Amino acid sequence: MTDRIRGAPTRPTPLGPGGRPFRGWRVAPLVLSLGAFAANAVILLSDRAPGLFRRLSDRIDAGVTRAAGATGVDVPGGAVRVPQSDFDVHVVIWAVAALLVGLAAWSWLSLLLAGGSVFTVSVALELSQQLLTNSRTVQLRDVVANAVGTGCGTGAVAAFGLAWWVLSTRRSGPRG
């Protein structure tokens, strides 16, 4: 393949996130991912959220209390220790975070590192629940859900990158 204007050889679109469209817009998902990490921290550490997030924290804790009461869990004095894991919530919040970080990735290696970093942060937040909250506990099921969510988000970015590569190579292929 050659550059039509200068006649110089062109590089084919790379296989990997670097060949995706919207290369100039990578900063947007990166900034959004920072917001997702902050929101995830507030959700997971809600009983110690700072003043700015106090209302959100109170709503989350009130929702947990209502959910616990609806399932028949005794809620004496409002101190809630929910025995069941919120698996689906963990999958969704970490899939969104991994998806946003993955969209900012430049290569397959950076996508892999981003997915691993998102999972590491998710585990660190899960472990910090025991130390930093009064109403949350560390649950292995939540760590598994974090891994599933991170894998889904990272996998979605990889699938998008592959699909874009296939479509772009078909369009730029030899025409007869």
N, C-alpha and C. Protein backbone atom coordinates (compact mmCIF):
# COMPACT_ATOMS: atom_id res chain seq x y z
N MET A 1 0.84 -1.18 0.00
CA MET A 1 0.00 0.00 0.00
C MET A 1 0.88 1.24 0.00
N THR A 2 0.47 2.25 -0.72
CA THR A 2 1.23 3.49 -0.75
C THR A 2 0.30 4.66 -0.47
N ASP A 3 0.90 5.72 0.01
CA ASP A 3 0.18 6.96 0.25
C ASP A 3 -0.20 7.53 -1.11
N ARG A 4 -1.46 7.81 -1.35
CA ARG A 4 -1.92 8.26 -2.65
C ARG A 4 -1.37 9.64 -3.02
N ILE A 5 -1.09 10.47 -2.03
CA ILE A 5 -0.63 11.82 -2.33
C ILE A 5 0.86 11.84 -2.59
N ARG A 6 1.65 11.26 -1.71
CA ARG A 6 3.11 11.35 -1.82
C ARG A 6 3.74 10.12 -2.44
N GLY A 7 3.00 9.03 -2.58
CA GLY A 7 3.55 7.81 -3.13
C GLY A 7 4.40 7.04 -2.13
N ALA A 8 4.42 7.48 -0.87
CA ALA A 8 5.21 6.80 0.16
C ALA A 8 4.42 5.61 0.70
N PRO A 9 5.13 4.57 1.13
CA PRO A 9 4.42 3.43 1.71
C PRO A 9 3.71 3.84 3.00
N THR A 10 2.53 3.29 3.19
CA THR A 10 1.78 3.56 4.43
C THR A 10 1.78 2.32 5.28
N ARG A 11 1.70 2.56 6.57
CA ARG A 11 1.59 1.44 7.51
C ARG A 11 0.16 0.99 7.58
N PRO A 12 -0.08 -0.31 7.61
CA PRO A 12 -1.46 -0.77 7.78
C PRO A 12 -1.93 -0.41 9.19
N THR A 13 -3.23 -0.33 9.34
CA THR A 13 -3.80 -0.06 10.64
C THR A 13 -3.35 -1.15 11.61
N PRO A 14 -2.82 -0.79 12.77
CA PRO A 14 -2.33 -1.81 13.69
C PRO A 14 -3.48 -2.62 14.29
N LEU A 15 -3.18 -3.90 14.53
CA LEU A 15 -4.15 -4.74 15.23
C LEU A 15 -4.03 -4.41 16.70
N GLY A 16 -5.02 -3.81 17.24
CA GLY A 16 -4.99 -3.44 18.65
C GLY A 16 -5.75 -2.15 18.86
N PRO A 17 -5.93 -1.78 20.11
CA PRO A 17 -6.68 -0.57 20.40
C PRO A 17 -6.10 0.67 19.72
N GLY A 18 -4.81 0.69 19.42
CA GLY A 18 -4.21 1.84 18.76
C GLY A 18 -4.77 2.08 17.37
N GLY A 19 -5.40 1.07 16.78
CA GLY A 19 -5.99 1.22 15.46
C GLY A 19 -7.45 1.61 15.50
N ARG A 20 -7.97 1.84 16.67
CA ARG A 20 -9.38 2.22 16.80
C ARG A 20 -9.61 3.65 16.33
N PRO A 21 -10.87 3.96 16.07
CA PRO A 21 -11.19 5.35 15.70
C PRO A 21 -11.11 6.26 16.92
N PHE A 22 -11.26 7.53 16.69
CA PHE A 22 -11.34 8.53 17.76
C PHE A 22 -10.06 8.61 18.58
N ARG A 23 -8.90 8.41 17.93
CA ARG A 23 -7.64 8.46 18.66
C ARG A 23 -7.46 9.77 19.40
N GLY A 24 -7.90 10.86 18.84
CA GLY A 24 -7.75 12.15 19.48
C GLY A 24 -8.67 12.35 20.67
N TRP A 25 -9.64 11.49 20.85
CA TRP A 25 -10.62 11.62 21.92
C TRP A 25 -10.31 10.74 23.11
N ARG A 26 -9.15 10.16 23.19
CA ARG A 26 -8.83 9.23 24.28
C ARG A 26 -8.84 9.89 25.65
N VAL A 27 -8.62 11.19 25.70
CA VAL A 27 -8.60 11.86 26.98
C VAL A 27 -10.00 11.87 27.61
N ALA A 28 -11.05 11.90 26.81
CA ALA A 28 -12.42 11.91 27.34
C ALA A 28 -12.73 10.66 28.16
N PRO A 29 -12.52 9.44 27.63
CA PRO A 29 -12.79 8.27 28.48
C PRO A 29 -11.84 8.18 29.68
N LEU A 30 -10.63 8.72 29.52
CA LEU A 30 -9.70 8.70 30.65
C LEU A 30 -10.24 9.57 31.79
N VAL A 31 -10.73 10.76 31.46
CA VAL A 31 -11.30 11.65 32.48
C VAL A 31 -12.56 11.02 33.07
N LEU A 32 -13.40 10.45 32.22
CA LEU A 32 -14.60 9.78 32.72
C LEU A 32 -14.26 8.60 33.62
N SER A 33 -13.16 7.90 33.31
CA SER A 33 -12.76 6.77 34.16
C SER A 33 -12.36 7.24 35.55
N LEU A 34 -11.75 8.41 35.64
CA LEU A 34 -11.42 8.96 36.97
C LEU A 34 -12.69 9.21 37.76
N GLY A 35 -13.71 9.71 37.09
CA GLY A 35 -15.01 9.89 37.74
C GLY A 35 -15.62 8.56 38.16
N ALA A 36 -15.46 7.55 37.32
CA ALA A 36 -15.98 6.22 37.67
C ALA A 36 -15.27 5.65 38.89
N PHE A 37 -13.94 5.83 38.96
CA PHE A 37 -13.20 5.36 40.14
C PHE A 37 -13.68 6.08 41.39
N ALA A 38 -13.89 7.39 41.29
CA ALA A 38 -14.37 8.15 42.45
C ALA A 38 -15.76 7.68 42.87
N ALA A 39 -16.64 7.47 41.91
CA ALA A 39 -17.99 6.99 42.22
C ALA A 39 -17.93 5.60 42.84
N ASN A 40 -17.08 4.72 42.31
CA ASN A 40 -16.95 3.38 42.87
C ASN A 40 -16.46 3.43 44.31
N ALA A 41 -15.50 4.31 44.57
CA ALA A 41 -14.99 4.44 45.94
C ALA A 41 -16.09 4.92 46.88
N VAL A 42 -16.90 5.88 46.43
CA VAL A 42 -18.01 6.37 47.26
C VAL A 42 -19.00 5.26 47.52
N ILE A 43 -19.32 4.49 46.49
CA ILE A 43 -20.28 3.39 46.64
C ILE A 43 -19.75 2.35 47.62
N LEU A 44 -18.49 1.97 47.45
CA LEU A 44 -17.94 0.90 48.28
C LEU A 44 -17.57 1.35 49.69
N LEU A 45 -17.29 2.62 49.87
CA LEU A 45 -16.90 3.13 51.19
C LEU A 45 -17.92 4.17 51.67
N SER A 46 -19.18 3.96 51.37
CA SER A 46 -20.20 4.98 51.52
C SER A 46 -20.40 5.50 52.94
N ASP A 47 -20.14 4.73 53.96
CA ASP A 47 -20.39 5.27 55.30
C ASP A 47 -19.28 6.19 55.79
N ARG A 48 -18.22 6.35 55.00
CA ARG A 48 -17.15 7.29 55.34
C ARG A 48 -16.92 8.32 54.24
N ALA A 49 -17.92 8.55 53.40
CA ALA A 49 -17.76 9.51 52.31
C ALA A 49 -17.62 10.92 52.88
N PRO A 50 -16.78 11.76 52.26
CA PRO A 50 -16.62 13.12 52.76
C PRO A 50 -17.89 13.95 52.56
N GLY A 51 -17.91 15.15 53.13
CA GLY A 51 -19.08 16.02 53.12
C GLY A 51 -19.68 16.25 51.75
N LEU A 52 -18.87 16.36 50.73
CA LEU A 52 -19.37 16.61 49.39
C LEU A 52 -20.29 15.48 48.93
N PHE A 53 -19.97 14.26 49.32
CA PHE A 53 -20.77 13.12 48.90
C PHE A 53 -21.69 12.61 50.00
N ARG A 54 -21.90 13.38 51.05
CA ARG A 54 -22.69 12.91 52.19
C ARG A 54 -24.10 12.51 51.77
N ARG A 55 -24.75 13.33 50.94
CA ARG A 55 -26.12 12.99 50.54
C ARG A 55 -26.16 11.69 49.76
N LEU A 56 -25.23 11.53 48.82
CA LEU A 56 -25.18 10.30 48.04
C LEU A 56 -24.90 9.12 48.95
N SER A 57 -23.97 9.29 49.88
CA SER A 57 -23.64 8.24 50.82
C SER A 57 -24.86 7.85 51.66
N ASP A 58 -25.60 8.85 52.15
CA ASP A 58 -26.78 8.57 52.95
C ASP A 58 -27.83 7.83 52.14
N ARG A 59 -27.99 8.21 50.87
CA ARG A 59 -28.96 7.52 50.02
C ARG A 59 -28.55 6.06 49.80
N ILE A 60 -27.27 5.84 49.57
CA ILE A 60 -26.80 4.47 49.35
C ILE A 60 -27.02 3.64 50.61
N ASP A 61 -26.63 4.19 51.77
CA ASP A 61 -26.80 3.47 53.02
C ASP A 61 -28.28 3.24 53.34
N ALA A 62 -29.14 4.25 53.04
CA ALA A 62 -30.57 4.08 53.26
C ALA A 62 -31.12 2.99 52.36
N GLY A 63 -30.63 2.93 51.13
CA GLY A 63 -31.05 1.87 50.21
C GLY A 63 -30.64 0.49 50.69
N VAL A 64 -29.44 0.40 51.23
CA VAL A 64 -28.97 -0.87 51.79
C VAL A 64 -29.84 -1.26 52.98
N THR A 65 -30.17 -0.28 53.82
CA THR A 65 -31.01 -0.55 54.99
C THR A 65 -32.39 -1.02 54.55
N ARG A 66 -32.99 -0.33 53.56
CA ARG A 66 -34.31 -0.73 53.06
C ARG A 66 -34.25 -2.13 52.46
N ALA A 67 -33.21 -2.41 51.69
CA ALA A 67 -33.07 -3.72 51.06
C ALA A 67 -32.90 -4.80 52.12
N ALA A 68 -32.11 -4.51 53.13
CA ALA A 68 -31.91 -5.48 54.20
C ALA A 68 -33.21 -5.72 54.95
N GLY A 69 -33.94 -4.66 55.22
CA GLY A 69 -35.22 -4.80 55.92
C GLY A 69 -36.22 -5.57 55.08
N ALA A 70 -36.24 -5.35 53.77
CA ALA A 70 -37.18 -6.03 52.89
C ALA A 70 -36.89 -7.53 52.80
N THR A 71 -35.64 -7.91 53.01
CA THR A 71 -35.30 -9.34 52.94
C THR A 71 -35.43 -10.02 54.30
N GLY A 72 -35.85 -9.25 55.31
CA GLY A 72 -36.05 -9.84 56.63
C GLY A 72 -34.83 -9.80 57.52
N VAL A 73 -33.78 -9.09 57.11
CA VAL A 73 -32.59 -8.97 57.93
C VAL A 73 -32.89 -7.95 59.02
N ASP A 74 -32.63 -8.31 60.26
CA ASP A 74 -32.87 -7.40 61.37
C ASP A 74 -31.89 -6.24 61.29
N VAL A 75 -32.41 -5.01 61.44
CA VAL A 75 -31.58 -3.81 61.32
C VAL A 75 -31.67 -3.02 62.63
N PRO A 76 -31.10 -3.55 63.72
CA PRO A 76 -31.19 -2.82 64.98
C PRO A 76 -30.31 -1.58 64.96
N GLY A 77 -30.90 -0.44 65.26
CA GLY A 77 -30.13 0.81 65.34
C GLY A 77 -29.53 1.26 64.02
N GLY A 78 -29.95 0.68 62.93
CA GLY A 78 -29.45 1.11 61.64
C GLY A 78 -28.08 0.57 61.28
N ALA A 79 -27.43 -0.21 62.15
CA ALA A 79 -26.13 -0.79 61.83
C ALA A 79 -26.37 -2.00 60.93
N VAL A 80 -26.07 -1.86 59.66
CA VAL A 80 -26.40 -2.89 58.68
C VAL A 80 -25.16 -3.68 58.29
N ARG A 81 -25.26 -4.97 58.38
CA ARG A 81 -24.26 -5.87 57.81
C ARG A 81 -25.04 -6.80 56.89
N VAL A 82 -25.04 -6.47 55.62
CA VAL A 82 -25.83 -7.23 54.66
C VAL A 82 -25.11 -8.55 54.38
N PRO A 83 -25.76 -9.67 54.64
CA PRO A 83 -25.10 -10.95 54.48
C PRO A 83 -24.91 -11.39 53.05
N GLN A 84 -25.74 -10.91 52.14
CA GLN A 84 -25.64 -11.35 50.76
C GLN A 84 -24.76 -10.41 49.96
N SER A 85 -24.07 -10.98 49.00
CA SER A 85 -23.21 -10.18 48.13
C SER A 85 -24.04 -9.46 47.08
N ASP A 86 -23.62 -8.29 46.72
CA ASP A 86 -24.26 -7.54 45.65
C ASP A 86 -23.44 -7.74 44.38
N PHE A 87 -23.39 -8.99 43.93
CA PHE A 87 -22.55 -9.43 42.83
C PHE A 87 -22.76 -8.59 41.58
N ASP A 88 -24.03 -8.41 41.18
CA ASP A 88 -24.32 -7.69 39.93
C ASP A 88 -23.88 -6.24 39.98
N VAL A 89 -23.99 -5.59 41.13
CA VAL A 89 -23.54 -4.20 41.26
C VAL A 89 -22.03 -4.12 41.04
N HIS A 90 -21.30 -5.04 41.64
CA HIS A 90 -19.84 -5.05 41.49
C HIS A 90 -19.45 -5.30 40.03
N VAL A 91 -20.14 -6.22 39.37
CA VAL A 91 -19.84 -6.50 37.96
C VAL A 91 -20.04 -5.23 37.12
N VAL A 92 -21.15 -4.56 37.32
CA VAL A 92 -21.47 -3.38 36.50
C VAL A 92 -20.50 -2.23 36.76
N ILE A 93 -20.25 -1.89 38.03
CA ILE A 93 -19.41 -0.71 38.29
C ILE A 93 -17.98 -0.93 37.83
N TRP A 94 -17.46 -2.16 37.95
CA TRP A 94 -16.08 -2.38 37.52
C TRP A 94 -15.99 -2.63 36.02
N ALA A 95 -17.07 -3.11 35.39
CA ALA A 95 -17.07 -3.23 33.92
C ALA A 95 -17.04 -1.84 33.29
N VAL A 96 -17.80 -0.92 33.85
CA VAL A 96 -17.81 0.46 33.33
C VAL A 96 -16.43 1.09 33.50
N ALA A 97 -15.83 0.92 34.67
CA ALA A 97 -14.49 1.49 34.90
C ALA A 97 -13.47 0.90 33.94
N ALA A 98 -13.48 -0.42 33.76
CA ALA A 98 -12.53 -1.07 32.85
C ALA A 98 -12.77 -0.66 31.40
N LEU A 99 -14.04 -0.50 31.02
CA LEU A 99 -14.37 -0.07 29.67
C LEU A 99 -13.82 1.33 29.39
N LEU A 100 -14.02 2.24 30.33
CA LEU A 100 -13.54 3.61 30.14
C LEU A 100 -12.02 3.68 30.09
N VAL A 101 -11.37 2.98 31.00
CA VAL A 101 -9.90 2.97 31.00
C VAL A 101 -9.39 2.29 29.73
N GLY A 102 -10.05 1.23 29.33
CA GLY A 102 -9.65 0.52 28.12
C GLY A 102 -9.79 1.35 26.86
N LEU A 103 -10.82 2.19 26.80
CA LEU A 103 -10.99 3.05 25.63
C LEU A 103 -9.87 4.08 25.50
N ALA A 104 -9.19 4.35 26.59
CA ALA A 104 -8.07 5.28 26.55
C ALA A 104 -6.75 4.56 26.25
N ALA A 105 -6.77 3.24 26.14
CA ALA A 105 -5.56 2.45 25.92
C ALA A 105 -4.98 2.71 24.52
N TRP A 106 -3.66 2.64 24.43
CA TRP A 106 -2.96 2.89 23.17
C TRP A 106 -2.56 1.62 22.44
N SER A 107 -2.46 0.51 23.16
CA SER A 107 -1.98 -0.72 22.54
C SER A 107 -2.57 -1.90 23.30
N TRP A 108 -2.30 -3.10 22.78
CA TRP A 108 -2.77 -4.29 23.48
C TRP A 108 -2.13 -4.39 24.85
N LEU A 109 -0.84 -4.06 24.94
CA LEU A 109 -0.16 -4.12 26.23
C LEU A 109 -0.78 -3.13 27.22
N SER A 110 -1.05 -1.91 26.76
CA SER A 110 -1.65 -0.94 27.67
C SER A 110 -3.07 -1.35 28.06
N LEU A 111 -3.80 -2.01 27.16
CA LEU A 111 -5.13 -2.51 27.50
C LEU A 111 -5.04 -3.59 28.57
N LEU A 112 -4.07 -4.49 28.42
CA LEU A 112 -3.87 -5.54 29.41
C LEU A 112 -3.47 -4.95 30.77
N LEU A 113 -2.55 -4.00 30.74
CA LEU A 113 -2.13 -3.34 31.99
C LEU A 113 -3.27 -2.54 32.61
N ALA A 114 -4.07 -1.90 31.79
CA ALA A 114 -5.22 -1.14 32.30
C ALA A 114 -6.21 -2.07 32.98
N GLY A 115 -6.52 -3.19 32.35
CA GLY A 115 -7.44 -4.16 32.97
C GLY A 115 -6.90 -4.68 34.29
N GLY A 116 -5.61 -5.00 34.33
CA GLY A 116 -4.99 -5.46 35.58
C GLY A 116 -5.00 -4.38 36.65
N SER A 117 -4.79 -3.14 36.24
CA SER A 117 -4.79 -2.04 37.21
C SER A 117 -6.18 -1.79 37.77
N VAL A 118 -7.18 -1.86 36.92
CA VAL A 118 -8.56 -1.67 37.39
C VAL A 118 -8.91 -2.78 38.40
N PHE A 119 -8.54 -4.01 38.09
CA PHE A 119 -8.82 -5.10 39.03
C PHE A 119 -8.06 -4.89 40.35
N THR A 120 -6.81 -4.46 40.27
CA THR A 120 -6.03 -4.22 41.49
C THR A 120 -6.67 -3.15 42.35
N VAL A 121 -7.12 -2.07 41.73
CA VAL A 121 -7.80 -1.01 42.48
C VAL A 121 -9.10 -1.53 43.10
N SER A 122 -9.82 -2.36 42.35
CA SER A 122 -11.08 -2.91 42.87
C SER A 122 -10.84 -3.78 44.10
N VAL A 123 -9.78 -4.57 44.07
CA VAL A 123 -9.46 -5.42 45.22
C VAL A 123 -9.00 -4.56 46.41
N ALA A 124 -8.20 -3.52 46.12
CA ALA A 124 -7.76 -2.63 47.19
C ALA A 124 -8.95 -1.95 47.86
N LEU A 125 -9.93 -1.51 47.07
CA LEU A 125 -11.12 -0.89 47.66
C LEU A 125 -11.93 -1.91 48.45
N GLU A 126 -12.01 -3.11 47.94
CA GLU A 126 -12.74 -4.16 48.66
C GLU A 126 -12.08 -4.45 50.01
N LEU A 127 -10.76 -4.56 50.01
CA LEU A 127 -10.04 -4.82 51.26
C LEU A 127 -10.13 -3.65 52.24
N SER A 128 -10.18 -2.44 51.70
CA SER A 128 -10.24 -1.27 52.58
C SER A 128 -11.60 -1.11 53.25
N GLN A 129 -12.62 -1.79 52.74
CA GLN A 129 -13.94 -1.72 53.37
C GLN A 129 -13.88 -2.15 54.83
N GLN A 130 -13.13 -3.18 55.11
CA GLN A 130 -13.04 -3.69 56.48
C GLN A 130 -12.40 -2.65 57.41
N LEU A 131 -11.42 -1.91 56.91
CA LEU A 131 -10.71 -0.94 57.73
C LEU A 131 -11.41 0.42 57.80
N LEU A 132 -12.04 0.84 56.72
CA LEU A 132 -12.54 2.21 56.62
C LEU A 132 -14.04 2.38 56.80
N THR A 133 -14.78 1.30 56.88
CA THR A 133 -16.23 1.43 57.02
C THR A 133 -16.72 0.70 58.25
N ASN A 134 -17.92 1.06 58.66
CA ASN A 134 -18.56 0.38 59.79
C ASN A 134 -19.61 -0.62 59.33
N SER A 135 -20.07 -0.47 58.11
CA SER A 135 -21.19 -1.29 57.65
C SER A 135 -20.85 -2.21 56.48
N ARG A 136 -19.60 -2.25 56.07
CA ARG A 136 -19.22 -3.07 54.92
C ARG A 136 -18.22 -4.13 55.35
N THR A 137 -18.27 -5.26 54.68
CA THR A 137 -17.33 -6.33 54.97
C THR A 137 -16.69 -6.81 53.68
N VAL A 138 -15.52 -7.39 53.79
CA VAL A 138 -14.83 -7.96 52.64
C VAL A 138 -15.49 -9.29 52.32
N GLN A 139 -15.83 -9.48 51.05
CA GLN A 139 -16.46 -10.73 50.63
C GLN A 139 -15.74 -11.26 49.38
N LEU A 140 -15.39 -12.51 49.41
CA LEU A 140 -14.70 -13.13 48.28
C LEU A 140 -15.58 -13.07 47.02
N ARG A 141 -16.88 -13.21 47.21
CA ARG A 141 -17.80 -13.11 46.07
C ARG A 141 -17.70 -11.76 45.38
N ASP A 142 -17.49 -10.71 46.15
CA ASP A 142 -17.35 -9.37 45.56
C ASP A 142 -16.06 -9.25 44.76
N VAL A 143 -14.99 -9.87 45.26
CA VAL A 143 -13.73 -9.85 44.52
C VAL A 143 -13.89 -10.61 43.19
N VAL A 144 -14.61 -11.73 43.23
CA VAL A 144 -14.89 -12.49 42.00
C VAL A 144 -15.72 -11.63 41.05
N ALA A 145 -16.73 -10.93 41.59
CA ALA A 145 -17.57 -10.05 40.77
C ALA A 145 -16.73 -8.93 40.16
N ASN A 146 -15.79 -8.39 40.93
CA ASN A 146 -14.90 -7.35 40.41
C ASN A 146 -14.09 -7.90 39.23
N ALA A 147 -13.60 -9.12 39.37
CA ALA A 147 -12.82 -9.74 38.30
C ALA A 147 -13.68 -9.96 37.06
N VAL A 148 -14.91 -10.43 37.25
CA VAL A 148 -15.82 -10.64 36.12
C VAL A 148 -16.12 -9.31 35.44
N GLY A 149 -16.42 -8.28 36.21
CA GLY A 149 -16.70 -6.96 35.64
C GLY A 149 -15.52 -6.39 34.89
N THR A 150 -14.33 -6.47 35.49
CA THR A 150 -13.12 -5.97 34.84
C THR A 150 -12.86 -6.74 33.54
N GLY A 151 -13.04 -8.05 33.59
CA GLY A 151 -12.86 -8.86 32.38
C GLY A 151 -13.87 -8.52 31.29
N CYS A 152 -15.11 -8.27 31.69
CA CYS A 152 -16.14 -7.90 30.71
C CYS A 152 -15.83 -6.55 30.06
N GLY A 153 -15.45 -5.57 30.87
CA GLY A 153 -15.14 -4.24 30.33
C GLY A 153 -13.93 -4.29 29.41
N THR A 154 -12.88 -4.98 29.85
CA THR A 154 -11.66 -5.10 29.04
C THR A 154 -11.94 -5.90 27.78
N GLY A 155 -12.72 -6.96 27.92
CA GLY A 155 -13.09 -7.78 26.76
C GLY A 155 -13.92 -7.02 25.75
N ALA A 156 -14.80 -6.14 26.23
CA ALA A 156 -15.61 -5.34 25.32
C ALA A 156 -14.73 -4.40 24.50
N VAL A 157 -13.73 -3.81 25.14
CA VAL A 157 -12.80 -2.93 24.41
C VAL A 157 -11.99 -3.74 23.39
N ALA A 158 -11.54 -4.93 23.80
CA ALA A 158 -10.77 -5.78 22.87
C ALA A 158 -11.64 -6.19 21.68
N ALA A 159 -12.89 -6.56 21.94
CA ALA A 159 -13.80 -6.94 20.85
C ALA A 159 -14.04 -5.76 19.91
N PHE A 160 -14.22 -4.57 20.47
CA PHE A 160 -14.40 -3.38 19.64
C PHE A 160 -13.15 -3.12 18.80
N GLY A 161 -11.96 -3.25 19.42
CA GLY A 161 -10.71 -3.05 18.69
C GLY A 161 -10.56 -4.03 17.54
N LEU A 162 -10.88 -5.29 17.79
CA LEU A 162 -10.80 -6.31 16.73
C LEU A 162 -11.81 -6.04 15.62
N ALA A 163 -13.04 -5.69 16.01
CA ALA A 163 -14.07 -5.41 15.01
C ALA A 163 -13.68 -4.21 14.16
N TRP A 164 -13.14 -3.18 14.79
CA TRP A 164 -12.72 -2.00 14.04
C TRP A 164 -11.58 -2.34 13.09
N TRP A 165 -10.65 -3.18 13.55
CA TRP A 165 -9.53 -3.58 12.71
C TRP A 165 -10.02 -4.35 11.48
N VAL A 166 -10.95 -5.29 11.71
CA VAL A 166 -11.49 -6.07 10.59
C VAL A 166 -12.19 -5.16 9.60
N LEU A 167 -13.01 -4.24 10.10
CA LEU A 167 -13.72 -3.33 9.20
C LEU A 167 -12.77 -2.40 8.46
N SER A 168 -11.76 -1.90 9.15
CA SER A 168 -10.85 -0.96 8.50
C SER A 168 -9.95 -1.66 7.48
N THR A 169 -9.59 -2.91 7.71
CA THR A 169 -8.77 -3.62 6.72
C THR A 169 -9.59 -4.01 5.51
N ARG A 170 -10.88 -4.26 5.71
CA ARG A 170 -11.76 -4.55 4.56
C ARG A 170 -11.91 -3.33 3.68
N ARG A 171 -12.07 -2.15 4.32
CA ARG A 171 -12.26 -0.93 3.55
C ARG A 171 -10.98 -0.50 2.82
N SER A 172 -9.82 -0.74 3.45
CA SER A 172 -8.57 -0.27 2.86
C SER A 172 -7.88 -1.36 2.05
N GLY A 173 -8.51 -2.50 1.89
CA GLY A 173 -7.91 -3.61 1.15
C GLY A 173 -7.80 -3.29 -0.34
N PRO A 174 -7.13 -4.16 -1.08
CA PRO A 174 -6.95 -3.92 -2.52
C PRO A 174 -8.30 -3.94 -3.24
N ARG A 175 -8.45 -3.01 -4.13
CA ARG A 175 -9.69 -2.93 -4.91
C ARG A 175 -9.38 -3.29 -6.36
N GLY A 176 -10.19 -4.14 -6.88
CA GLY A 176 -9.90 -4.66 -8.20
C GLY A 176 -10.61 -4.06 -9.30
